[in-house]
Amino acid sequence: MAGHSKWANIKYRKAAQDAKRGNLFQKLVRAIIVAAKEGGGDPAMNARLKTAIERAKAASVPMDNITRGIKRGTGEIEGAAYEELTYEAYGPAGVALLIEATTDNRNRTTPEIRALLTRNGGQMGEAGSVAWMFERKGVIGIKKAEGLDENELMSCGLEAGMTDMEFEDEGYTLYCDPSEMNVLQEALEKAGYAIESAETPMVPQTPVEISDLETAQKIMNLVEVLEEHDDAQNVYTNFDVTDEVAAQLEE
């Protein structure tokens, strides 16, 4: 999702510098367990599982851990029973937050997430209060490469279900319906494009631009604190920053 916004670019570069934050291996294996439980253990037939496996491999999660995670999800191996929870919340300046978590004890996770929000300028919202501001999309990142023809990439993408494409200095971001992720990804790989990422995030329909550095820092701090929680899988927000604030955050 590195081409989605200035805020996203900053966030993902910072995350790459601290890949072990928030017990990353454990979170990635949990994502595999839940994906396999929901859609079966064959990544060729389960786009969500395929994405979870690719993310785990990119983070150097051992293959044994990945295999065990799949088997736990399908019930071949016993283990803790995880469920998915989505919390809707507000952050500083009223920005919207969606927090996706996997937990084996919601009675532990919910009050802990609520406390993190309260201590860092946020508050829990009611069900349905902010979810409508987001839409789940398939998002594929393509590395910028010498000789890459933008028109050919667009043509390949459109033929395979792409709905939109953005360009940043780092490369291209292609959007599609989540149900078309496997088809689009396979078409791009077959055409020889280097896929950097393939995810199905919740994308804000109308981002709120923040022009104040202090407010942006408070929001980023809240997001990072939430992401560090062991049960948090993904934290989405509808805020972006101005060019001026983006430059200051990069310093």
C-alpha atoms as a PDB file:
ATOM      1  CA  MET A   1       0.000   0.000   0.000  1.00  0.00           C
ATOM      2  CA  ALA A   2       3.092   2.179  -0.252  1.00  0.00           C
ATOM      3  CA  GLY A   3       1.610   4.369  -2.972  1.00  0.00           C
ATOM      4  CA  HIS A   4      -1.631   5.186  -1.198  1.00  0.00           C
ATOM      5  CA  SER A   5      -0.710   8.397   0.653  1.00  0.00           C
ATOM      6  CA  LYS A   6       2.107  10.478   2.092  1.00  0.00           C
ATOM      7  CA  TRP A   7       1.209   9.169   5.547  1.00  0.00           C
ATOM      8  CA  ALA A   8       1.292   5.572   4.285  1.00  0.00           C
ATOM      9  CA  ASN A   9       4.719   6.076   2.725  1.00  0.00           C
ATOM     10  CA  ILE A  10       6.140   7.363   6.014  1.00  0.00           C
ATOM     11  CA  LYS A  11       4.426   4.633   8.027  1.00  0.00           C
ATOM     12  CA  TYR A  12       5.696   1.778   5.894  1.00  0.00           C
ATOM     13  CA  ARG A  13       9.272   3.062   5.792  1.00  0.00           C
ATOM     14  CA  LYS A  14       9.272   3.355   9.576  1.00  0.00           C
ATOM     15  CA  ALA A  15       7.817  -0.149   9.909  1.00  0.00           C
ATOM     16  CA  ALA A  16      10.539  -1.552   7.657  1.00  0.00           C
ATOM     17  CA  GLN A  17      13.174  -0.134  10.002  1.00  0.00           C
ATOM     18  CA  ASP A  18      11.617  -1.932  12.990  1.00  0.00           C
ATOM     19  CA  ALA A  19      10.330  -5.221  11.607  1.00  0.00           C
ATOM     20  CA  LYS A  20      10.321  -6.951  14.988  1.00  0.00           C
ATOM     21  CA  ARG A  21       7.954  -4.471  16.613  1.00  0.00           C
ATOM     22  CA  GLY A  22       4.915  -5.988  18.262  1.00  0.00           C
ATOM     23  CA  ASN A  23       6.054  -9.624  18.104  1.00  0.00           C
ATOM     24  CA  LEU A  24       5.783  -9.740  14.306  1.00  0.00           C
ATOM     25  CA  PHE A  25       6.298 -13.487  13.833  1.00  0.00           C
ATOM     26  CA  GLN A  26       3.480 -14.334  16.240  1.00  0.00           C
ATOM     27  CA  LYS A  27       1.123 -11.904  14.518  1.00  0.00           C
ATOM     28  CA  LEU A  28       1.898 -13.239  11.062  1.00  0.00           C
ATOM     29  CA  VAL A  29       1.340 -16.847  12.125  1.00  0.00           C
ATOM     30  CA  ARG A  30      -1.962 -15.873  13.758  1.00  0.00           C
ATOM     31  CA  ALA A  31      -3.034 -14.292  10.468  1.00  0.00           C
ATOM     32  CA  ILE A  32      -2.265 -17.588   8.719  1.00  0.00           C
ATOM     33  CA  ILE A  33      -4.248 -19.571  11.303  1.00  0.00           C
ATOM     34  CA  VAL A  34      -7.321 -17.367  10.935  1.00  0.00           C
ATOM     35  CA  ALA A  35      -7.108 -17.291   7.126  1.00  0.00           C
ATOM     36  CA  ALA A  36      -6.846 -21.089   6.919  1.00  0.00           C
ATOM     37  CA  LYS A  37      -9.711 -21.496   9.379  1.00  0.00           C
ATOM     38  CA  GLU A  38     -11.933 -19.196   7.318  1.00  0.00           C
ATOM     39  CA  GLY A  39     -11.131 -20.310   3.771  1.00  0.00           C
ATOM     40  CA  GLY A  40      -9.271 -23.623   3.913  1.00  0.00           C
ATOM     41  CA  GLY A  41      -5.619 -24.587   3.761  1.00  0.00           C
ATOM     42  CA  ASP A  42      -4.995 -24.300   0.000  1.00  0.00           C
ATOM     43  CA  PRO A  43      -3.518 -20.872  -0.858  1.00  0.00           C
ATOM     44  CA  ALA A  44      -4.404 -21.400  -4.519  1.00  0.00           C
ATOM     45  CA  MET A  45      -8.071 -21.361  -3.508  1.00  0.00           C
ATOM     46  CA  ASN A  46      -7.778 -18.938  -0.578  1.00  0.00           C
ATOM     47  CA  ALA A  47      -6.509 -15.483  -1.548  1.00  0.00           C
ATOM     48  CA  ARG A  48      -6.384 -14.329   2.042  1.00  0.00           C
ATOM     49  CA  LEU A  49      -4.216 -17.282   3.055  1.00  0.00           C
ATOM     50  CA  LYS A  50      -1.937 -16.722   0.077  1.00  0.00           C
ATOM     51  CA  THR A  51      -1.403 -13.115   1.125  1.00  0.00           C
ATOM     52  CA  ALA A  52      -0.779 -14.111   4.760  1.00  0.00           C
ATOM     53  CA  ILE A  53       1.807 -16.697   3.701  1.00  0.00           C
ATOM     54  CA  GLU A  54       3.595 -14.228   1.422  1.00  0.00           C
ATOM     55  CA  ARG A  55       3.755 -11.641   4.197  1.00  0.00           C
ATOM     56  CA  ALA A  56       5.191 -14.250   6.561  1.00  0.00           C
ATOM     57  CA  LYS A  57       7.808 -15.343   4.031  1.00  0.00           C
ATOM     58  CA  ALA A  58       8.798 -11.727   3.385  1.00  0.00           C
ATOM     59  CA  ALA A  59       9.430 -11.328   7.130  1.00  0.00           C
ATOM     60  CA  SER A  60      11.545 -14.534   7.180  1.00  0.00           C
ATOM     61  CA  VAL A  61       9.090 -16.559   9.261  1.00  0.00           C
ATOM     62  CA  PRO A  62      10.381 -20.181   9.192  1.00  0.00           C
ATOM     63  CA  MET A  63       8.486 -22.481   6.829  1.00  0.00           C
ATOM     64  CA  ASP A  64       7.800 -24.913   9.685  1.00  0.00           C
ATOM     65  CA  ASN A  65       5.940 -22.151  11.537  1.00  0.00           C
ATOM     66  CA  ILE A  66       3.926 -21.325   8.427  1.00  0.00           C
ATOM     67  CA  THR A  67       2.998 -24.979   7.863  1.00  0.00           C
ATOM     68  CA  ARG A  68       1.973 -25.450  11.489  1.00  0.00           C
ATOM     69  CA  GLY A  69      -0.113 -22.294  11.299  1.00  0.00           C
ATOM     70  CA  ILE A  70      -2.012 -23.634   8.281  1.00  0.00           C
ATOM     71  CA  LYS A  71      -2.631 -26.970   9.999  1.00  0.00           C
ATOM     72  CA  ARG A  72      -3.819 -25.263  13.169  1.00  0.00           C
ATOM     73  CA  GLY A  73      -6.264 -23.250  11.111  1.00  0.00           C
ATOM     74  CA  THR A  74      -7.653 -26.307   9.341  1.00  0.00           C
ATOM     75  CA  GLY A  75      -7.880 -28.258  12.585  1.00  0.00           C
ATOM     76  CA  GLU A  76      -5.165 -30.801  11.750  1.00  0.00           C
ATOM     77  CA  ILE A  77      -3.186 -29.631  14.801  1.00  0.00           C
ATOM     78  CA  GLU A  78      -4.708 -28.565  18.110  1.00  0.00           C
ATOM     79  CA  GLY A  79      -4.006 -25.108  19.480  1.00  0.00           C
ATOM     80  CA  ALA A  80      -5.551 -21.946  20.879  1.00  0.00           C
ATOM     81  CA  ALA A  81      -8.840 -20.966  19.236  1.00  0.00           C
ATOM     82  CA  TYR A  82      -8.461 -17.474  17.768  1.00  0.00           C
ATOM     83  CA  GLU A  83     -11.293 -15.169  16.769  1.00  0.00           C
ATOM     84  CA  GLU A  84     -11.205 -11.923  14.825  1.00  0.00           C
ATOM     85  CA  LEU A  85     -12.391  -8.665  16.332  1.00  0.00           C
ATOM     86  CA  THR A  86     -12.680  -5.228  14.736  1.00  0.00           C
ATOM     87  CA  TYR A  87     -12.723  -2.164  16.969  1.00  0.00           C
ATOM     88  CA  GLU A  88     -14.005   1.184  15.713  1.00  0.00           C
ATOM     89  CA  ALA A  89     -12.482   4.224  17.368  1.00  0.00           C
ATOM     90  CA  TYR A  90     -11.556   7.888  17.148  1.00  0.00           C
ATOM     91  CA  GLY A  91      -8.124   9.442  17.520  1.00  0.00           C
ATOM     92  CA  PRO A  92      -6.805  12.986  17.999  1.00  0.00           C
ATOM     93  CA  ALA A  93      -8.628  15.582  15.866  1.00  0.00           C
ATOM     94  CA  GLY A  94     -11.480  13.097  15.498  1.00  0.00           C
ATOM     95  CA  VAL A  95      -9.749  10.927  12.884  1.00  0.00           C
ATOM     96  CA  ALA A  96     -11.313   7.497  12.372  1.00  0.00           C
ATOM     97  CA  LEU A  97      -9.563   4.275  13.368  1.00  0.00           C
ATOM     98  CA  LEU A  98     -10.261   0.636  12.565  1.00  0.00           C
ATOM     99  CA  ILE A  99      -8.314  -1.867  14.658  1.00  0.00           C
ATOM    100  CA  GLU A 100      -8.320  -5.491  13.503  1.00  0.00           C
ATOM    101  CA  ALA A 101      -7.262  -8.018  16.134  1.00  0.00           C
ATOM    102  CA  THR A 102      -6.967 -11.777  16.540  1.00  0.00           C
ATOM    103  CA  THR A 103      -7.348 -13.055  20.075  1.00  0.00           C
ATOM    104  CA  ASP A 104      -7.975 -16.160  22.143  1.00  0.00           C
ATOM    105  CA  ASN A 105      -9.559 -14.031  24.894  1.00  0.00           C
ATOM    106  CA  ARG A 106     -11.714 -11.038  23.953  1.00  0.00           C
ATOM    107  CA  ASN A 107     -12.261 -10.258  27.644  1.00  0.00           C
ATOM    108  CA  ARG A 108      -8.547  -9.478  27.857  1.00  0.00           C
ATOM    109  CA  THR A 109      -8.067  -7.765  24.507  1.00  0.00           C
ATOM    110  CA  THR A 110     -11.025  -5.364  24.517  1.00  0.00           C
ATOM    111  CA  PRO A 111     -10.232  -3.519  27.770  1.00  0.00           C
ATOM    112  CA  GLU A 112      -6.543  -3.365  26.840  1.00  0.00           C
ATOM    113  CA  ILE A 113      -7.306  -1.735  23.474  1.00  0.00           C
ATOM    114  CA  ARG A 114      -9.746   0.647  25.162  1.00  0.00           C
ATOM    115  CA  ALA A 115      -7.083   1.652  27.701  1.00  0.00           C
ATOM    116  CA  LEU A 116      -4.482   2.306  24.986  1.00  0.00           C
ATOM    117  CA  LEU A 117      -6.936   4.557  23.175  1.00  0.00           C
ATOM    118  CA  THR A 118      -7.853   6.496  26.314  1.00  0.00           C
ATOM    119  CA  ARG A 119      -4.236   7.024  27.373  1.00  0.00           C
ATOM    120  CA  ASN A 120      -3.192   8.304  23.953  1.00  0.00           C
ATOM    121  CA  GLY A 121      -5.881  10.787  22.986  1.00  0.00           C
ATOM    122  CA  GLY A 122      -8.407   8.400  21.476  1.00  0.00           C
ATOM    123  CA  GLN A 123     -11.679   6.775  22.427  1.00  0.00           C
ATOM    124  CA  MET A 124     -13.603   3.645  21.515  1.00  0.00           C
ATOM    125  CA  GLY A 125     -16.530   4.159  19.162  1.00  0.00           C
ATOM    126  CA  GLU A 126     -19.780   2.259  18.790  1.00  0.00           C
ATOM    127  CA  ALA A 127     -20.286  -0.472  16.195  1.00  0.00           C
ATOM    128  CA  GLY A 128     -20.853   1.136  12.806  1.00  0.00           C
ATOM    129  CA  SER A 129     -19.540   4.546  13.858  1.00  0.00           C
ATOM    130  CA  VAL A 130     -16.538   4.641  11.497  1.00  0.00           C
ATOM    131  CA  ALA A 131     -16.525   1.413   9.456  1.00  0.00           C
ATOM    132  CA  TRP A 132     -18.602   3.097   6.741  1.00  0.00           C
ATOM    133  CA  MET A 133     -15.704   5.484   6.094  1.00  0.00           C
ATOM    134  CA  PHE A 134     -13.539   2.617   4.811  1.00  0.00           C
ATOM    135  CA  GLU A 135     -13.700   0.104   1.982  1.00  0.00           C
ATOM    136  CA  ARG A 136     -11.743  -3.135   1.724  1.00  0.00           C
ATOM    137  CA  LYS A 137      -9.680  -3.275  -1.466  1.00  0.00           C
ATOM    138  CA  GLY A 138      -7.083  -5.481  -3.053  1.00  0.00           C
ATOM    139  CA  VAL A 139      -3.831  -3.511  -3.197  1.00  0.00           C
ATOM    140  CA  ILE A 140      -0.764  -4.695  -5.115  1.00  0.00           C
ATOM    141  CA  GLY A 141       2.548  -2.847  -5.083  1.00  0.00           C
ATOM    142  CA  ILE A 142       4.810  -3.064  -8.144  1.00  0.00           C
ATOM    143  CA  LYS A 143       8.468  -2.077  -7.919  1.00  0.00           C
ATOM    144  CA  LYS A 144       9.678   0.654 -10.216  1.00  0.00           C
ATOM    145  CA  ALA A 145      12.039  -0.905 -12.759  1.00  0.00           C
ATOM    146  CA  GLU A 146      14.086   0.351 -15.670  1.00  0.00           C
ATOM    147  CA  GLY A 147      12.188  -0.080 -18.901  1.00  0.00           C
ATOM    148  CA  LEU A 148       8.812  -0.578 -17.239  1.00  0.00           C
ATOM    149  CA  ASP A 149       6.125   0.761 -19.566  1.00  0.00           C
ATOM    150  CA  GLU A 150       3.300   2.378 -17.613  1.00  0.00           C
ATOM    151  CA  ASN A 151       0.767   1.925 -20.408  1.00  0.00           C
ATOM    152  CA  GLU A 152       1.563  -1.782 -20.727  1.00  0.00           C
ATOM    153  CA  LEU A 153       1.243  -2.215 -16.954  1.00  0.00           C
ATOM    154  CA  MET A 154      -2.112  -0.437 -16.990  1.00  0.00           C
ATOM    155  CA  SER A 155      -3.352  -2.556 -19.889  1.00  0.00           C
ATOM    156  CA  CYS A 156      -2.285  -5.783 -18.165  1.00  0.00           C
ATOM    157  CA  GLY A 157      -3.953  -4.695 -14.942  1.00  0.00           C
ATOM    158  CA  LEU A 158      -7.235  -3.636 -16.535  1.00  0.00           C
ATOM    159  CA  GLU A 159      -7.546  -6.951 -18.353  1.00  0.00           C
ATOM    160  CA  ALA A 160      -7.150  -8.790 -15.021  1.00  0.00           C
ATOM    161  CA  GLY A 161      -9.604  -6.810 -12.887  1.00  0.00           C
ATOM    162  CA  MET A 162      -7.660  -3.709 -11.820  1.00  0.00           C
ATOM    163  CA  THR A 163      -9.916  -0.767 -10.968  1.00  0.00           C
ATOM    164  CA  ASP A 164      -7.351   1.995 -10.347  1.00  0.00           C
ATOM    165  CA  MET A 165      -3.610   2.655 -10.391  1.00  0.00           C
ATOM    166  CA  GLU A 166      -1.428   5.209  -8.609  1.00  0.00           C
ATOM    167  CA  PHE A 167       2.210   6.143  -9.185  1.00  0.00           C
ATOM    168  CA  GLU A 168       4.791   7.264  -6.642  1.00  0.00           C
ATOM    169  CA  ASP A 169       8.581   7.523  -6.794  1.00  0.00           C
ATOM    170  CA  GLU A 170       8.890   4.020  -5.314  1.00  0.00           C
ATOM    171  CA  GLY A 171       6.659   2.345  -7.897  1.00  0.00           C
ATOM    172  CA  TYR A 172       3.036   1.634  -8.742  1.00  0.00           C
ATOM    173  CA  THR A 173       0.030   0.725  -6.617  1.00  0.00           C
ATOM    174  CA  LEU A 174      -2.768  -1.218  -8.288  1.00  0.00           C
ATOM    175  CA  TYR A 175      -6.252  -1.529  -6.793  1.00  0.00           C
ATOM    176  CA  CYS A 176      -8.896  -4.180  -7.350  1.00  0.00           C
ATOM    177  CA  ASP A 177     -11.846  -5.880  -5.710  1.00  0.00           C
ATOM    178  CA  PRO A 178     -10.498  -8.285  -3.048  1.00  0.00           C
ATOM    179  CA  SER A 179     -12.135 -11.192  -4.887  1.00  0.00           C
ATOM    180  CA  GLU A 180      -9.930 -10.429  -7.921  1.00  0.00           C
ATOM    181  CA  MET A 181      -6.625 -10.420  -6.016  1.00  0.00           C
ATOM    182  CA  ASN A 182      -5.438 -13.869  -7.102  1.00  0.00           C
ATOM    183  CA  VAL A 183      -6.357 -13.283 -10.747  1.00  0.00           C
ATOM    184  CA  LEU A 184      -4.642  -9.886 -10.889  1.00  0.00           C
ATOM    185  CA  GLN A 185      -1.554 -11.058  -9.024  1.00  0.00           C
ATOM    186  CA  GLU A 186      -1.114 -14.107 -11.248  1.00  0.00           C
ATOM    187  CA  ALA A 187      -1.523 -12.008 -14.402  1.00  0.00           C
ATOM    188  CA  LEU A 188       1.102  -9.524 -13.236  1.00  0.00           C
ATOM    189  CA  GLU A 189       3.538 -12.268 -12.247  1.00  0.00           C
ATOM    190  CA  LYS A 190       3.033 -14.027 -15.581  1.00  0.00           C
ATOM    191  CA  ALA A 191       3.786 -10.742 -17.369  1.00  0.00           C
ATOM    192  CA  GLY A 192       7.068 -10.483 -15.455  1.00  0.00           C
ATOM    193  CA  TYR A 193       6.305  -7.630 -13.053  1.00  0.00           C
ATOM    194  CA  ALA A 194       8.084  -7.624  -9.676  1.00  0.00           C
ATOM    195  CA  ILE A 195       5.388  -7.653  -6.998  1.00  0.00           C
ATOM    196  CA  GLU A 196       6.533  -5.932  -3.816  1.00  0.00           C
ATOM    197  CA  SER A 197       3.348  -6.396  -1.782  1.00  0.00           C
ATOM    198  CA  ALA A 198      -0.155  -7.839  -2.081  1.00  0.00           C
ATOM    199  CA  GLU A 199      -2.675  -7.024   0.633  1.00  0.00           C
ATOM    200  CA  THR A 200      -6.385  -6.429   1.216  1.00  0.00           C
ATOM    201  CA  PRO A 201      -6.468  -3.407   3.557  1.00  0.00           C
ATOM    202  CA  MET A 202      -9.329  -1.172   4.592  1.00  0.00           C
ATOM    203  CA  VAL A 203      -8.835   1.993   2.531  1.00  0.00           C
ATOM    204  CA  PRO A 204     -10.408   5.307   3.625  1.00  0.00           C
ATOM    205  CA  GLN A 205     -12.948   6.588   1.124  1.00  0.00           C
ATOM    206  CA  THR A 206     -12.258  10.253   1.946  1.00  0.00           C
ATOM    207  CA  PRO A 207      -8.942  10.875   3.751  1.00  0.00           C
ATOM    208  CA  VAL A 208      -8.810  13.742   6.253  1.00  0.00           C
ATOM    209  CA  GLU A 209      -5.737  15.916   5.687  1.00  0.00           C
ATOM    210  CA  ILE A 210      -3.862  17.072   8.797  1.00  0.00           C
ATOM    211  CA  SER A 211      -1.795  20.252   8.423  1.00  0.00           C
ATOM    212  CA  ASP A 212      -0.551  20.519  12.017  1.00  0.00           C
ATOM    213  CA  LEU A 213       2.689  18.677  12.893  1.00  0.00           C
ATOM    214  CA  GLU A 214       1.861  18.174  16.576  1.00  0.00           C
ATOM    215  CA  THR A 215      -1.533  16.654  15.784  1.00  0.00           C
ATOM    216  CA  ALA A 216      -0.018  14.379  13.134  1.00  0.00           C
ATOM    217  CA  GLN A 217       2.595  13.171  15.623  1.00  0.00           C
ATOM    218  CA  LYS A 218      -0.094  12.412  18.207  1.00  0.00           C
ATOM    219  CA  ILE A 219      -2.063  10.370  15.673  1.00  0.00           C
ATOM    220  CA  MET A 220       1.042   8.491  14.544  1.00  0.00           C
ATOM    221  CA  ASN A 221       1.965   7.757  18.147  1.00  0.00           C
ATOM    222  CA  LEU A 222      -1.500   6.348  18.848  1.00  0.00           C
ATOM    223  CA  VAL A 223      -1.364   4.147  15.745  1.00  0.00           C
ATOM    224  CA  GLU A 224       2.090   2.844  16.690  1.00  0.00           C
ATOM    225  CA  VAL A 225       1.027   2.104  20.276  1.00  0.00           C
ATOM    226  CA  LEU A 226      -1.986   0.170  19.015  1.00  0.00           C
ATOM    227  CA  GLU A 227       0.112  -1.743  16.473  1.00  0.00           C
ATOM    228  CA  GLU A 228       2.498  -2.820  19.223  1.00  0.00           C
ATOM    229  CA  HIS A 229      -0.294  -4.637  21.081  1.00  0.00           C
ATOM    230  CA  ASP A 230       0.245  -8.379  20.719  1.00  0.00           C
ATOM    231  CA  ASP A 231      -3.304  -9.031  19.491  1.00  0.00           C
ATOM    232  CA  ALA A 232      -3.455  -6.186  16.941  1.00  0.00           C
ATOM    233  CA  GLN A 233      -3.148  -7.323  13.332  1.00  0.00           C
ATOM    234  CA  ASN A 234      -3.880  -4.112  11.427  1.00  0.00           C
ATOM    235  CA  VAL A 235      -4.620  -0.510  12.351  1.00  0.00           C
ATOM    236  CA  TYR A 236      -6.227   1.677   9.691  1.00  0.00           C
ATOM    237  CA  THR A 237      -6.912   5.402   9.852  1.00  0.00           C
ATOM    238  CA  ASN A 238      -8.473   7.930   7.503  1.00  0.00           C
ATOM    239  CA  PHE A 239      -5.901  10.675   8.018  1.00  0.00           C
ATOM    240  CA  ASP A 240      -3.262  11.968   5.626  1.00  0.00           C
ATOM    241  CA  VAL A 241      -0.811  14.847   5.958  1.00  0.00           C
ATOM    242  CA  THR A 242       0.129  17.887   3.894  1.00  0.00           C
ATOM    243  CA  ASP A 243       3.424  17.936   1.980  1.00  0.00           C
ATOM    244  CA  GLU A 244       4.887  20.295   4.582  1.00  0.00           C
ATOM    245  CA  VAL A 245       3.996  18.039   7.508  1.00  0.00           C
ATOM    246  CA  ALA A 246       5.186  14.954   5.595  1.00  0.00           C
ATOM    247  CA  ALA A 247       8.607  16.550   5.140  1.00  0.00           C
ATOM    248  CA  GLN A 248       8.797  17.379   8.857  1.00  0.00           C
ATOM    249  CA  LEU A 249       7.800  13.848   9.866  1.00  0.00           C
ATOM    250  CA  GLU A 250      10.559  12.409   7.683  1.00  0.00           C
ATOM    251  CA  GLU A 251      13.236  14.405   9.529  1.00  0.00           C
END
